[in-house]
Amino acid sequence: MRTADGRLVAADLFSADGPRLYAAVVDEPELVVARIPEAERRFMTEIPLTNTGPWPADVREAMRTALAAADSAGR
């Protein structure tokens, strides 16, 4: 999948472990930041779970905020 400007964006089409991954973003953002480089998780809040559809805007913002705080703490 590509964005309008041509950047490649990968999605977990088979929902291999999406629910646990997104739960970790909320519950343990430090773990996610330690294991997934920032460039590789840039679009993760824009990829919906198969069974629930897109994340509400406030949930996406909370995830981004938690990841940004964990990034800052790790520097």
PDB file of N, CA and C in Angstrom:
ATOM      1  N   MET A   1       0.846  -1.150   0.000  1.00  0.00           N
ATOM      2  CA  MET A   1       0.000   0.000   0.000  1.00  0.00           C
ATOM      3  C   MET A   1       0.905   1.231   0.000  1.00  0.00           C
ATOM      4  N   ARG A   2       0.502   2.266  -0.682  1.00  0.00           N
ATOM      5  CA  ARG A   2       1.280   3.508  -0.746  1.00  0.00           C
ATOM      6  C   ARG A   2       0.411   4.704  -0.384  1.00  0.00           C
ATOM      7  N   THR A   3       1.051   5.716   0.182  1.00  0.00           N
ATOM      8  CA  THR A   3       0.354   6.964   0.476  1.00  0.00           C
ATOM      9  C   THR A   3       0.231   7.766  -0.808  1.00  0.00           C
ATOM     10  N   ALA A   4      -0.501   8.856  -0.768  1.00  0.00           N
ATOM     11  CA  ALA A   4      -0.699   9.680  -1.962  1.00  0.00           C
ATOM     12  C   ALA A   4       0.611  10.208  -2.526  1.00  0.00           C
ATOM     13  N   ASP A   5       1.616  10.419  -1.651  1.00  0.00           N
ATOM     14  CA  ASP A   5       2.902  10.923  -2.143  1.00  0.00           C
ATOM     15  C   ASP A   5       3.872   9.804  -2.515  1.00  0.00           C
ATOM     16  N   GLY A   6       3.407   8.558  -2.517  1.00  0.00           N
ATOM     17  CA  GLY A   6       4.208   7.438  -2.989  1.00  0.00           C
ATOM     18  C   GLY A   6       4.972   6.668  -1.935  1.00  0.00           C
ATOM     19  N   ARG A   7       4.921   7.103  -0.665  1.00  0.00           N
ATOM     20  CA  ARG A   7       5.627   6.366   0.385  1.00  0.00           C
ATOM     21  C   ARG A   7       4.964   5.015   0.611  1.00  0.00           C
ATOM     22  N   LEU A   8       5.786   3.994   0.819  1.00  0.00           N
ATOM     23  CA  LEU A   8       5.293   2.649   1.070  1.00  0.00           C
ATOM     24  C   LEU A   8       4.837   2.534   2.519  1.00  0.00           C
ATOM     25  N   VAL A   9       3.646   1.962   2.727  1.00  0.00           N
ATOM     26  CA  VAL A   9       3.104   1.735   4.055  1.00  0.00           C
ATOM     27  C   VAL A   9       2.716   0.266   4.134  1.00  0.00           C
ATOM     28  N   ALA A  10       3.245  -0.441   5.113  1.00  0.00           N
ATOM     29  CA  ALA A  10       2.939  -1.860   5.269  1.00  0.00           C
ATOM     30  C   ALA A  10       1.796  -2.042   6.262  1.00  0.00           C
ATOM     31  N   ALA A  11       0.991  -3.051   6.033  1.00  0.00           N
ATOM     32  CA  ALA A  11      -0.104  -3.377   6.940  1.00  0.00           C
ATOM     33  C   ALA A  11      -0.073  -4.868   7.232  1.00  0.00           C
ATOM     34  N   ASP A  12      -0.481  -5.236   8.427  1.00  0.00           N
ATOM     35  CA  ASP A  12      -0.587  -6.642   8.800  1.00  0.00           C
ATOM     36  C   ASP A  12      -1.925  -7.154   8.278  1.00  0.00           C
ATOM     37  N   LEU A  13      -1.912  -7.647   7.066  1.00  0.00           N
ATOM     38  CA  LEU A  13      -3.154  -8.065   6.420  1.00  0.00           C
ATOM     39  C   LEU A  13      -3.799  -9.270   7.075  1.00  0.00           C
ATOM     40  N   PHE A  14      -3.033 -10.026   7.842  1.00  0.00           N
ATOM     41  CA  PHE A  14      -3.566 -11.234   8.459  1.00  0.00           C
ATOM     42  C   PHE A  14      -3.841 -11.054   9.949  1.00  0.00           C
ATOM     43  N   SER A  15      -3.695  -9.852  10.448  1.00  0.00           N
ATOM     44  CA  SER A  15      -3.975  -9.557  11.865  1.00  0.00           C
ATOM     45  C   SER A  15      -3.258 -10.520  12.796  1.00  0.00           C
ATOM     46  N   ALA A  16      -2.015 -10.804  12.496  1.00  0.00           N
ATOM     47  CA  ALA A  16      -1.249 -11.808  13.231  1.00  0.00           C
ATOM     48  C   ALA A  16      -1.270 -11.585  14.735  1.00  0.00           C
ATOM     49  N   ASP A  17      -0.970 -10.403  15.179  1.00  0.00           N
ATOM     50  CA  ASP A  17      -0.938 -10.156  16.616  1.00  0.00           C
ATOM     51  C   ASP A  17      -1.356  -8.728  16.929  1.00  0.00           C
ATOM     52  N   GLY A  18      -2.200  -8.175  16.097  1.00  0.00           N
ATOM     53  CA  GLY A  18      -2.620  -6.792  16.246  1.00  0.00           C
ATOM     54  C   GLY A  18      -3.206  -6.429  17.600  1.00  0.00           C
ATOM     55  N   PRO A  19      -4.160  -7.200  18.125  1.00  0.00           N
ATOM     56  CA  PRO A  19      -4.745  -6.818  19.413  1.00  0.00           C
ATOM     57  C   PRO A  19      -3.710  -6.706  20.533  1.00  0.00           C
ATOM     58  N   ARG A  20      -2.772  -7.634  20.593  1.00  0.00           N
ATOM     59  CA  ARG A  20      -1.731  -7.564  21.637  1.00  0.00           C
ATOM     60  C   ARG A  20      -0.780  -6.403  21.392  1.00  0.00           C
ATOM     61  N   LEU A  21      -0.439  -6.160  20.135  1.00  0.00           N
ATOM     62  CA  LEU A  21       0.457  -5.054  19.816  1.00  0.00           C
ATOM     63  C   LEU A  21      -0.165  -3.722  20.231  1.00  0.00           C
ATOM     64  N   TYR A  22      -1.410  -3.486  19.855  1.00  0.00           N
ATOM     65  CA  TYR A  22      -2.058  -2.224  20.199  1.00  0.00           C
ATOM     66  C   TYR A  22      -2.320  -2.110  21.699  1.00  0.00           C
ATOM     67  N   ALA A  23      -2.583  -3.219  22.369  1.00  0.00           N
ATOM     68  CA  ALA A  23      -2.714  -3.185  23.828  1.00  0.00           C
ATOM     69  C   ALA A  23      -1.393  -2.759  24.461  1.00  0.00           C
ATOM     70  N   ALA A  24      -0.286  -3.223  23.901  1.00  0.00           N
ATOM     71  CA  ALA A  24       1.031  -2.834  24.419  1.00  0.00           C
ATOM     72  C   ALA A  24       1.293  -1.347  24.217  1.00  0.00           C
ATOM     73  N   VAL A  25       0.801  -0.777  23.121  1.00  0.00           N
ATOM     74  CA  VAL A  25       0.971   0.666  22.900  1.00  0.00           C
ATOM     75  C   VAL A  25       0.320   1.439  24.045  1.00  0.00           C
ATOM     76  N   VAL A  26      -0.833   0.980  24.498  1.00  0.00           N
ATOM     77  CA  VAL A  26      -1.556   1.653  25.574  1.00  0.00           C
ATOM     78  C   VAL A  26      -0.960   1.310  26.941  1.00  0.00           C
ATOM     79  N   ASP A  27      -0.673   0.023  27.179  1.00  0.00           N
ATOM     80  CA  ASP A  27      -0.248  -0.439  28.503  1.00  0.00           C
ATOM     81  C   ASP A  27       1.258  -0.362  28.740  1.00  0.00           C
ATOM     82  N   GLU A  28       2.044  -0.572  27.694  1.00  0.00           N
ATOM     83  CA  GLU A  28       3.505  -0.603  27.828  1.00  0.00           C
ATOM     84  C   GLU A  28       4.185   0.094  26.647  1.00  0.00           C
ATOM     85  N   PRO A  29       3.945   1.389  26.471  1.00  0.00           N
ATOM     86  CA  PRO A  29       4.538   2.067  25.311  1.00  0.00           C
ATOM     87  C   PRO A  29       6.067   2.000  25.302  1.00  0.00           C
ATOM     88  N   GLU A  30       6.689   1.925  26.483  1.00  0.00           N
ATOM     89  CA  GLU A  30       8.150   1.831  26.550  1.00  0.00           C
ATOM     90  C   GLU A  30       8.646   0.551  25.876  1.00  0.00           C
ATOM     91  N   LEU A  31       7.911  -0.531  26.048  1.00  0.00           N
ATOM     92  CA  LEU A  31       8.266  -1.801  25.418  1.00  0.00           C
ATOM     93  C   LEU A  31       8.169  -1.696  23.902  1.00  0.00           C
ATOM     94  N   VAL A  32       7.107  -1.090  23.418  1.00  0.00           N
ATOM     95  CA  VAL A  32       6.922  -0.923  21.972  1.00  0.00           C
ATOM     96  C   VAL A  32       8.045  -0.064  21.399  1.00  0.00           C
ATOM     97  N   VAL A  33       8.368   1.039  22.075  1.00  0.00           N
ATOM     98  CA  VAL A  33       9.429   1.942  21.618  1.00  0.00           C
ATOM     99  C   VAL A  33      10.780   1.229  21.609  1.00  0.00           C
ATOM    100  N   ALA A  34      11.018   0.385  22.611  1.00  0.00           N
ATOM    101  CA  ALA A  34      12.294  -0.334  22.691  1.00  0.00           C
ATOM    102  C   ALA A  34      12.439  -1.380  21.588  1.00  0.00           C
ATOM    103  N   ARG A  35      11.332  -1.948  21.154  1.00  0.00           N
ATOM    104  CA  ARG A  35      11.400  -3.055  20.191  1.00  0.00           C
ATOM    105  C   ARG A  35      11.126  -2.675  18.743  1.00  0.00           C
ATOM    106  N   ILE A  36      10.410  -1.587  18.526  1.00  0.00           N
ATOM    107  CA  ILE A  36      10.058  -1.192  17.155  1.00  0.00           C
ATOM    108  C   ILE A  36      10.601   0.212  16.911  1.00  0.00           C
ATOM    109  N   PRO A  37      11.551   0.358  15.997  1.00  0.00           N
ATOM    110  CA  PRO A  37      12.100   1.691  15.712  1.00  0.00           C
ATOM    111  C   PRO A  37      11.006   2.668  15.271  1.00  0.00           C
ATOM    112  N   GLU A  38      11.232   3.937  15.574  1.00  0.00           N
ATOM    113  CA  GLU A  38      10.234   4.971  15.288  1.00  0.00           C
ATOM    114  C   GLU A  38       9.791   4.967  13.825  1.00  0.00           C
ATOM    115  N   ALA A  39      10.730   4.833  12.912  1.00  0.00           N
ATOM    116  CA  ALA A  39      10.386   4.852  11.480  1.00  0.00           C
ATOM    117  C   ALA A  39       9.467   3.691  11.100  1.00  0.00           C
ATOM    118  N   GLU A  40       9.563   2.570  11.817  1.00  0.00           N
ATOM    119  CA  GLU A  40       8.752   1.396  11.498  1.00  0.00           C
ATOM    120  C   GLU A  40       7.374   1.428  12.153  1.00  0.00           C
ATOM    121  N   ARG A  41       7.174   2.324  13.089  1.00  0.00           N
ATOM    122  CA  ARG A  41       5.854   2.423  13.736  1.00  0.00           C
ATOM    123  C   ARG A  41       5.160   3.741  13.431  1.00  0.00           C
ATOM    124  N   ARG A  42       5.686   4.462  12.493  1.00  0.00           N
ATOM    125  CA  ARG A  42       5.170   5.791  12.148  1.00  0.00           C
ATOM    126  C   ARG A  42       3.676   5.770  11.817  1.00  0.00           C
ATOM    127  N   PHE A  43       3.211   4.754  11.124  1.00  0.00           N
ATOM    128  CA  PHE A  43       1.813   4.716  10.677  1.00  0.00           C
ATOM    129  C   PHE A  43       0.945   3.748  11.478  1.00  0.00           C
ATOM    130  N   MET A  44       1.469   3.201  12.558  1.00  0.00           N
ATOM    131  CA  MET A  44       0.731   2.131  13.228  1.00  0.00           C
ATOM    132  C   MET A  44      -0.613   2.586  13.794  1.00  0.00           C
ATOM    133  N   THR A  45      -0.764   3.847  14.140  1.00  0.00           N
ATOM    134  CA  THR A  45      -2.066   4.295  14.653  1.00  0.00           C
ATOM    135  C   THR A  45      -3.068   4.533  13.532  1.00  0.00           C
ATOM    136  N   GLU A  46      -2.618   4.435  12.297  1.00  0.00           N
ATOM    137  CA  GLU A  46      -3.507   4.624  11.147  1.00  0.00           C
ATOM    138  C   GLU A  46      -3.954   3.294  10.539  1.00  0.00           C
ATOM    139  N   ILE A  47      -3.433   2.178  11.065  1.00  0.00           N
ATOM    140  CA  ILE A  47      -3.781   0.851  10.555  1.00  0.00           C
ATOM    141  C   ILE A  47      -4.838   0.255  11.485  1.00  0.00           C
ATOM    142  N   PRO A  48      -6.070   0.088  11.034  1.00  0.00           N
ATOM    143  CA  PRO A  48      -7.128  -0.424  11.906  1.00  0.00           C
ATOM    144  C   PRO A  48      -7.027  -1.931  12.103  1.00  0.00           C
ATOM    145  N   LEU A  49      -7.597  -2.394  13.196  1.00  0.00           N
ATOM    146  CA  LEU A  49      -7.748  -3.832  13.384  1.00  0.00           C
ATOM    147  C   LEU A  49      -8.847  -4.316  12.443  1.00  0.00           C
ATOM    148  N   THR A  50      -8.707  -5.512  11.949  1.00  0.00           N
ATOM    149  CA  THR A  50      -9.659  -6.058  10.997  1.00  0.00           C
ATOM    150  C   THR A  50     -11.076  -6.107  11.552  1.00  0.00           C
ATOM    151  N   ASN A  51     -11.209  -6.505  12.807  1.00  0.00           N
ATOM    152  CA  ASN A  51     -12.549  -6.717  13.357  1.00  0.00           C
ATOM    153  C   ASN A  51     -13.200  -5.462  13.926  1.00  0.00           C
ATOM    154  N   THR A  52     -12.453  -4.358  14.075  1.00  0.00           N
ATOM    155  CA  THR A  52     -13.046  -3.171  14.688  1.00  0.00           C
ATOM    156  C   THR A  52     -13.063  -1.948  13.790  1.00  0.00           C
ATOM    157  N   GLY A  53     -12.336  -1.982  12.711  1.00  0.00           N
ATOM    158  CA  GLY A  53     -12.280  -0.808  11.842  1.00  0.00           C
ATOM    159  C   GLY A  53     -11.312   0.230  12.365  1.00  0.00           C
ATOM    160  N   PRO A  54     -11.407   1.452  11.854  1.00  0.00           N
ATOM    161  CA  PRO A  54     -10.453   2.496  12.237  1.00  0.00           C
ATOM    162  C   PRO A  54     -10.560   2.870  13.715  1.00  0.00           C
ATOM    163  N   TRP A  55      -9.433   3.289  14.259  1.00  0.00           N
ATOM    164  CA  TRP A  55      -9.411   3.766  15.639  1.00  0.00           C
ATOM    165  C   TRP A  55     -10.077   5.134  15.701  1.00  0.00           C
ATOM    166  N   PRO A  56     -10.838   5.416  16.767  1.00  0.00           N
ATOM    167  CA  PRO A  56     -11.364   6.772  16.944  1.00  0.00           C
ATOM    168  C   PRO A  56     -10.197   7.766  17.060  1.00  0.00           C
ATOM    169  N   ALA A  57     -10.435   9.003  16.663  1.00  0.00           N
ATOM    170  CA  ALA A  57      -9.371  10.013  16.663  1.00  0.00           C
ATOM    171  C   ALA A  57      -8.746  10.192  18.042  1.00  0.00           C
ATOM    172  N   ASP A  58      -9.546  10.171  19.107  1.00  0.00           N
ATOM    173  CA  ASP A  58      -8.989  10.368  20.447  1.00  0.00           C
ATOM    174  C   ASP A  58      -8.107   9.200  20.873  1.00  0.00           C
ATOM    175  N   VAL A  59      -8.437   7.992  20.452  1.00  0.00           N
ATOM    176  CA  VAL A  59      -7.614   6.823  20.769  1.00  0.00           C
ATOM    177  C   VAL A  59      -6.294   6.896  20.007  1.00  0.00           C
ATOM    178  N   ARG A  60      -6.353   7.261  18.726  1.00  0.00           N
ATOM    179  CA  ARG A  60      -5.117   7.415  17.938  1.00  0.00           C
ATOM    180  C   ARG A  60      -4.207   8.460  18.567  1.00  0.00           C
ATOM    181  N   GLU A  61      -4.786   9.569  18.996  1.00  0.00           N
ATOM    182  CA  GLU A  61      -3.987  10.631  19.613  1.00  0.00           C
ATOM    183  C   GLU A  61      -3.375  10.154  20.929  1.00  0.00           C
ATOM    184  N   ALA A  62      -4.138   9.412  21.730  1.00  0.00           N
ATOM    185  CA  ALA A  62      -3.606   8.879  22.988  1.00  0.00           C
ATOM    186  C   ALA A  62      -2.448   7.921  22.724  1.00  0.00           C
ATOM    187  N   MET A  63      -2.559   7.088  21.699  1.00  0.00           N
ATOM    188  CA  MET A  63      -1.468   6.172  21.342  1.00  0.00           C
ATOM    189  C   MET A  63      -0.231   6.952  20.908  1.00  0.00           C
ATOM    190  N   ARG A  64      -0.430   7.940  20.038  1.00  0.00           N
ATOM    191  CA  ARG A  64       0.708   8.753  19.571  1.00  0.00           C
ATOM    192  C   ARG A  64       1.378   9.474  20.738  1.00  0.00           C
ATOM    193  N   THR A  65       0.574   9.992  21.658  1.00  0.00           N
ATOM    194  CA  THR A  65       1.114  10.699  22.822  1.00  0.00           C
ATOM    195  C   THR A  65       1.921   9.757  23.708  1.00  0.00           C
ATOM    196  N   ALA A  66       1.387   8.563  23.952  1.00  0.00           N
ATOM    197  CA  ALA A  66       2.101   7.582  24.781  1.00  0.00           C
ATOM    198  C   ALA A  66       3.421   7.173  24.139  1.00  0.00           C
ATOM    199  N   LEU A  67       3.414   6.946  22.831  1.00  0.00           N
ATOM    200  CA  LEU A  67       4.648   6.567  22.141  1.00  0.00           C
ATOM    201  C   LEU A  67       5.653   7.715  22.141  1.00  0.00           C
ATOM    202  N   ALA A  68       5.188   8.939  21.936  1.00  0.00           N
ATOM    203  CA  ALA A  68       6.091  10.096  21.946  1.00  0.00           C
ATOM    204  C   ALA A  68       6.718  10.280  23.324  1.00  0.00           C
ATOM    205  N   ALA A  69       5.933  10.097  24.380  1.00  0.00           N
ATOM    206  CA  ALA A  69       6.466  10.217  25.738  1.00  0.00           C
ATOM    207  C   ALA A  69       7.506   9.135  26.005  1.00  0.00           C
ATOM    208  N   ALA A  70       7.236   7.921  25.545  1.00  0.00           N
ATOM    209  CA  ALA A  70       8.201   6.832  25.722  1.00  0.00           C
ATOM    210  C   ALA A  70       9.465   7.088  24.912  1.00  0.00           C
ATOM    211  N   ASP A  71       9.309   7.636  23.706  1.00  0.00           N
ATOM    212  CA  ASP A  71      10.479   8.007  22.901  1.00  0.00           C
ATOM    213  C   ASP A  71      11.332   9.031  23.643  1.00  0.00           C
ATOM    214  N   SER A  72      10.702  10.055  24.190  1.00  0.00           N
ATOM    215  CA  SER A  72      11.424  11.114  24.901  1.00  0.00           C
ATOM    216  C   SER A  72      12.125  10.580  26.142  1.00  0.00           C
ATOM    217  N   ALA A  73      11.464   9.694  26.862  1.00  0.00           N
ATOM    218  CA  ALA A  73      12.057   9.126  28.077  1.00  0.00           C
ATOM    219  C   ALA A  73      13.268   8.256  27.764  1.00  0.00           C
ATOM    220  N   GLY A  74      13.261   7.644  26.575  1.00  0.00           N
ATOM    221  CA  GLY A  74      14.353   6.749  26.190  1.00  0.00           C
ATOM    222  C   GLY A  74      15.567   7.450  25.623  1.00  0.00           C
ATOM    223  N   ARG A  75      15.487   8.747  25.420  1.00  0.00           N
ATOM    224  CA  ARG A  75      16.613   9.484  24.824  1.00  0.00           C
ATOM    225  C   ARG A  75      17.563   9.991  25.852  1.00  0.00           C
TER     226      ARG A  75
END
